[in-house]
Each structure stands twice: as structure tokens, then as C-alpha cells.
Amino acid sequence: MPSRRMLRERALQALYAIEVGGREPTEALEEILGSGGASDDRAFVRELVLGTLAGASDADQRIGPALQGWTLDRLAIVDRTILRLAVCEAAQIEAPPRAVIINEAVELAKRYSTPEAARFVNGVLSGVFGDASSAPT
């Protein structure tokens, strides 16, 4: 059974394929998930992807004020996608604690973006969530 972190990575990969590759959500999800895997895992990834797509505008409104000197359209696509994914996951009914969400987003940034992105994602999400539960970078 994959870890939640691995499932978040798959959600990020699907969202990136949708954003950059112009894929339809169902096509991107099928490509990322294939035909195997536990139904709970598949449902979690699907919920993250579809929830992020549906909530992107609301997430952007929350992220924008926390950018401090940046605009969403200036961000690298992967960084913007990580931020949206984290904010949308936090809005879910059974969301993990925000500190966990921030930490997971920082780890995604470390793996899929630049070295500076992890600190940037940490700072922005701490600003969005309005708390000091930032993750170590």
C-alpha cells in the first residue's frame, strides 16, 4: 500500500499533466493511477485532483495575499500546483492537521522543484494558514 506522500505525488503528477499537457482530468488520472491499486488509494488521489481543480480559484484567492511581492502567474507551474494542492487538501472535511499538509507540500517542493522552493512553499502556506506550524526545510 503506497504512503499518503506517494499518493500526493501522484495527485501532483496528474495535476501537472492537466496544467502543462492539456490532459483531461479523467485521462490524467487513468494514466497516473493505471488499473491497479486499492480503491481507497485511488479515491484519495481522485479526490485530491478533482478537489484541487474545483477549488483552484478559491485557493488562488487565499494564496495571493501570502505571496509577498509575487503573483500567481509568476510562479513556476509546479510550485503553484503544490500550493493549490495543499490549500485544497486543507479545505477537505477529513483533512490532516495543517502542519502535516505544510510538511507534505514542502517535501513535494524538495522533490519536484528547486532547492529554494521548499522554503518558499513553507512560508507561503504558513501565511495562508495564519499559524506558526511551518515545516522544517
C-alpha atoms as a PDB file:
ATOM      1  CA  MET A   1       0.000   0.000   0.000  1.00  0.00           C
ATOM      2  CA  PRO A   2       1.521   3.347  -1.016  1.00  0.00           C
ATOM      3  CA  SER A   3       2.026   6.022   1.611  1.00  0.00           C
ATOM      4  CA  ARG A   4      -0.102   9.155   1.621  1.00  0.00           C
ATOM      5  CA  ARG A   5       3.005  11.039   0.473  1.00  0.00           C
ATOM      6  CA  MET A   6       3.271   8.809  -2.610  1.00  0.00           C
ATOM      7  CA  LEU A   7      -0.422   9.336  -3.297  1.00  0.00           C
ATOM      8  CA  ARG A   8       0.025  13.108  -3.032  1.00  0.00           C
ATOM      9  CA  GLU A   9       2.904  12.793  -5.513  1.00  0.00           C
ATOM     10  CA  ARG A  10       0.590  11.015  -7.925  1.00  0.00           C
ATOM     11  CA  ALA A  11      -2.013  13.743  -7.479  1.00  0.00           C
ATOM     12  CA  LEU A  12       0.651  16.372  -8.206  1.00  0.00           C
ATOM     13  CA  GLN A  13       1.744  14.467 -11.312  1.00  0.00           C
ATOM     14  CA  ALA A  14      -1.834  14.295 -12.577  1.00  0.00           C
ATOM     15  CA  LEU A  15      -2.436  18.000 -11.885  1.00  0.00           C
ATOM     16  CA  TYR A  16       0.795  18.890 -13.671  1.00  0.00           C
ATOM     17  CA  ALA A  17      -0.201  16.777 -16.689  1.00  0.00           C
ATOM     18  CA  ILE A  18      -3.542  18.581 -16.778  1.00  0.00           C
ATOM     19  CA  GLU A  19      -1.950  22.034 -16.459  1.00  0.00           C
ATOM     20  CA  VAL A  20       1.032  21.587 -18.775  1.00  0.00           C
ATOM     21  CA  GLY A  21      -0.036  18.782 -21.065  1.00  0.00           C
ATOM     22  CA  GLY A  22      -3.625  19.878 -21.515  1.00  0.00           C
ATOM     23  CA  ARG A  23      -4.881  16.460 -20.480  1.00  0.00           C
ATOM     24  CA  GLU A  24      -8.455  15.893 -19.406  1.00  0.00           C
ATOM     25  CA  PRO A  25      -8.693  15.077 -15.682  1.00  0.00           C
ATOM     26  CA  THR A  26     -10.039  11.567 -16.278  1.00  0.00           C
ATOM     27  CA  GLU A  27      -7.281  10.857 -18.783  1.00  0.00           C
ATOM     28  CA  ALA A  28      -4.549  12.168 -16.469  1.00  0.00           C
ATOM     29  CA  LEU A  29      -5.902  10.205 -13.511  1.00  0.00           C
ATOM     30  CA  GLU A  30      -6.108   7.000 -15.529  1.00  0.00           C
ATOM     31  CA  GLU A  31      -2.564   7.478 -16.786  1.00  0.00           C
ATOM     32  CA  ILE A  32      -1.179   8.145 -13.289  1.00  0.00           C
ATOM     33  CA  LEU A  33      -3.215   5.512 -11.453  1.00  0.00           C
ATOM     34  CA  GLY A  34      -3.382   2.796 -14.087  1.00  0.00           C
ATOM     35  CA  SER A  35      -5.773  -0.027 -13.377  1.00  0.00           C
ATOM     36  CA  GLY A  36      -4.245  -1.330 -10.157  1.00  0.00           C
ATOM     37  CA  GLY A  37      -4.120  -0.191  -6.586  1.00  0.00           C
ATOM     38  CA  ALA A  38      -6.509  -0.174  -3.689  1.00  0.00           C
ATOM     39  CA  SER A  39      -9.802   1.582  -4.266  1.00  0.00           C
ATOM     40  CA  ASP A  40      -9.232   3.779  -1.179  1.00  0.00           C
ATOM     41  CA  ASP A  41      -5.890   4.949  -2.581  1.00  0.00           C
ATOM     42  CA  ARG A  42      -7.392   5.645  -5.983  1.00  0.00           C
ATOM     43  CA  ALA A  43     -10.271   7.527  -4.362  1.00  0.00           C
ATOM     44  CA  PHE A  44      -7.843   9.642  -2.301  1.00  0.00           C
ATOM     45  CA  VAL A  45      -5.854  10.673  -5.387  1.00  0.00           C
ATOM     46  CA  ARG A  46      -9.032  11.321  -7.365  1.00  0.00           C
ATOM     47  CA  GLU A  47     -10.434  13.448  -4.518  1.00  0.00           C
ATOM     48  CA  LEU A  48      -7.212  15.477  -4.303  1.00  0.00           C
ATOM     49  CA  VAL A  49      -7.061  16.077  -8.052  1.00  0.00           C
ATOM     50  CA  LEU A  50     -10.718  16.872  -8.632  1.00  0.00           C
ATOM     51  CA  GLY A  51     -10.935  18.895  -5.415  1.00  0.00           C
ATOM     52  CA  THR A  52      -7.899  20.935  -6.422  1.00  0.00           C
ATOM     53  CA  LEU A  53      -9.288  21.583  -9.889  1.00  0.00           C
ATOM     54  CA  ALA A  54     -12.669  22.611  -8.477  1.00  0.00           C
ATOM     55  CA  GLY A  55     -11.170  24.725  -5.701  1.00  0.00           C
ATOM     56  CA  ALA A  56      -8.307  26.346  -7.627  1.00  0.00           C
ATOM     57  CA  SER A  57      -9.963  29.766  -7.810  1.00  0.00           C
ATOM     58  CA  ASP A  58     -10.713  29.827  -4.073  1.00  0.00           C
ATOM     59  CA  ALA A  59      -7.215  28.538  -3.320  1.00  0.00           C
ATOM     60  CA  ASP A  60      -5.697  31.253  -5.501  1.00  0.00           C
ATOM     61  CA  GLN A  61      -7.609  33.908  -3.542  1.00  0.00           C
ATOM     62  CA  ARG A  62      -6.134  32.549  -0.311  1.00  0.00           C
ATOM     63  CA  ILE A  63      -2.622  32.120  -1.707  1.00  0.00           C
ATOM     64  CA  GLY A  64      -2.369  35.522  -3.418  1.00  0.00           C
ATOM     65  CA  PRO A  65      -2.097  37.698  -0.286  1.00  0.00           C
ATOM     66  CA  ALA A  66       0.568  35.393   1.191  1.00  0.00           C
ATOM     67  CA  LEU A  67       2.905  35.684  -1.803  1.00  0.00           C
ATOM     68  CA  GLN A  68       4.548  38.941  -0.667  1.00  0.00           C
ATOM     69  CA  GLY A  69       5.905  40.538  -3.814  1.00  0.00           C
ATOM     70  CA  TRP A  70       4.926  37.740  -6.175  1.00  0.00           C
ATOM     71  CA  THR A  71       1.867  36.999  -8.256  1.00  0.00           C
ATOM     72  CA  LEU A  72       0.429  33.586  -9.002  1.00  0.00           C
ATOM     73  CA  ASP A  73       1.152  33.877 -12.707  1.00  0.00           C
ATOM     74  CA  ARG A  74       4.865  34.471 -11.984  1.00  0.00           C
ATOM     75  CA  LEU A  75       5.221  31.241 -10.007  1.00  0.00           C
ATOM     76  CA  ALA A  76       6.628  28.104 -11.550  1.00  0.00           C
ATOM     77  CA  ILE A  77       3.750  25.839 -12.542  1.00  0.00           C
ATOM     78  CA  VAL A  78       4.871  23.077 -10.197  1.00  0.00           C
ATOM     79  CA  ASP A  79       5.115  25.481  -7.231  1.00  0.00           C
ATOM     80  CA  ARG A  80       1.678  26.946  -7.934  1.00  0.00           C
ATOM     81  CA  THR A  81       0.251  23.445  -8.244  1.00  0.00           C
ATOM     82  CA  ILE A  82       1.809  22.333  -4.941  1.00  0.00           C
ATOM     83  CA  LEU A  83       0.357  25.387  -3.183  1.00  0.00           C
ATOM     84  CA  ARG A  84      -3.111  24.808  -4.651  1.00  0.00           C
ATOM     85  CA  LEU A  85      -2.995  21.124  -3.763  1.00  0.00           C
ATOM     86  CA  ALA A  86      -2.108  21.916  -0.133  1.00  0.00           C
ATOM     87  CA  VAL A  87      -4.736  24.639   0.290  1.00  0.00           C
ATOM     88  CA  CYS A  88      -7.439  22.475  -1.271  1.00  0.00           C
ATOM     89  CA  GLU A  89      -6.490  19.459   0.844  1.00  0.00           C
ATOM     90  CA  ALA A  90      -6.761  21.621   3.972  1.00  0.00           C
ATOM     91  CA  ALA A  91     -10.325  22.525   2.964  1.00  0.00           C
ATOM     92  CA  GLN A  92     -11.451  18.889   2.985  1.00  0.00           C
ATOM     93  CA  ILE A  93     -13.668  17.661   5.796  1.00  0.00           C
ATOM     94  CA  GLU A  94     -11.251  14.983   6.979  1.00  0.00           C
ATOM     95  CA  ALA A  95      -8.071  16.924   6.286  1.00  0.00           C
ATOM     96  CA  PRO A  96      -4.920  16.149   8.248  1.00  0.00           C
ATOM     97  CA  PRO A  97      -3.544  18.844  10.565  1.00  0.00           C
ATOM     98  CA  ARG A  98      -2.247  21.874   8.722  1.00  0.00           C
ATOM     99  CA  ALA A  99       1.303  21.229   9.938  1.00  0.00           C
ATOM    100  CA  VAL A 100       1.162  17.859   8.162  1.00  0.00           C
ATOM    101  CA  ILE A 101      -0.168  19.476   4.995  1.00  0.00           C
ATOM    102  CA  ILE A 102       2.614  22.083   5.063  1.00  0.00           C
ATOM    103  CA  ASN A 103       5.253  19.407   5.637  1.00  0.00           C
ATOM    104  CA  GLU A 104       3.941  17.280   2.783  1.00  0.00           C
ATOM    105  CA  ALA A 105       3.909  20.298   0.448  1.00  0.00           C
ATOM    106  CA  VAL A 106       7.486  21.161   1.451  1.00  0.00           C
ATOM    107  CA  GLU A 107       8.567  17.594   0.694  1.00  0.00           C
ATOM    108  CA  LEU A 108       6.864  17.752  -2.722  1.00  0.00           C
ATOM    109  CA  ALA A 109       8.679  21.013  -3.444  1.00  0.00           C
ATOM    110  CA  LYS A 110      12.016  19.491  -2.404  1.00  0.00           C
ATOM    111  CA  ARG A 111      11.487  16.622  -4.805  1.00  0.00           C
ATOM    112  CA  TYR A 112       9.836  18.300  -7.785  1.00  0.00           C
ATOM    113  CA  SER A 113      11.041  21.911  -7.737  1.00  0.00           C
ATOM    114  CA  THR A 114      14.134  23.970  -6.971  1.00  0.00           C
ATOM    115  CA  PRO A 115      16.040  23.997  -3.658  1.00  0.00           C
ATOM    116  CA  GLU A 116      14.605  27.435  -2.826  1.00  0.00           C
ATOM    117  CA  ALA A 117      11.044  26.308  -3.494  1.00  0.00           C
ATOM    118  CA  ALA A 118      10.734  24.306  -0.272  1.00  0.00           C
ATOM    119  CA  ARG A 119      11.356  27.397   1.869  1.00  0.00           C
ATOM    120  CA  PHE A 120       9.078  29.455  -0.367  1.00  0.00           C
ATOM    121  CA  VAL A 121       6.218  26.926  -0.152  1.00  0.00           C
ATOM    122  CA  ASN A 122       6.693  26.701   3.617  1.00  0.00           C
ATOM    123  CA  GLY A 123       6.482  30.477   4.029  1.00  0.00           C
ATOM    124  CA  VAL A 124       3.505  30.942   1.732  1.00  0.00           C
ATOM    125  CA  LEU A 125       1.479  28.153   3.334  1.00  0.00           C
ATOM    126  CA  SER A 126       2.307  29.407   6.824  1.00  0.00           C
ATOM    127  CA  GLY A 127       0.934  32.770   5.697  1.00  0.00           C
ATOM    128  CA  VAL A 128      -2.154  31.205   4.127  1.00  0.00           C
ATOM    129  CA  PHE A 129      -2.962  29.166   7.203  1.00  0.00           C
ATOM    130  CA  GLY A 130      -2.077  32.019   9.534  1.00  0.00           C
ATOM    131  CA  ASP A 131      -0.162  29.942  12.011  1.00  0.00           C
ATOM    132  CA  ALA A 132       3.350  29.103  13.041  1.00  0.00           C
ATOM    133  CA  SER A 133       3.065  25.406  12.231  1.00  0.00           C
ATOM    134  CA  SER A 134       5.577  25.650   9.427  1.00  0.00           C
ATOM    135  CA  ALA A 135       7.593  22.637   8.490  1.00  0.00           C
ATOM    136  CA  PRO A 136      11.356  22.405   8.801  1.00  0.00           C
ATOM    137  CA  THR A 137      13.042  22.980   5.447  1.00  0.00           C
END
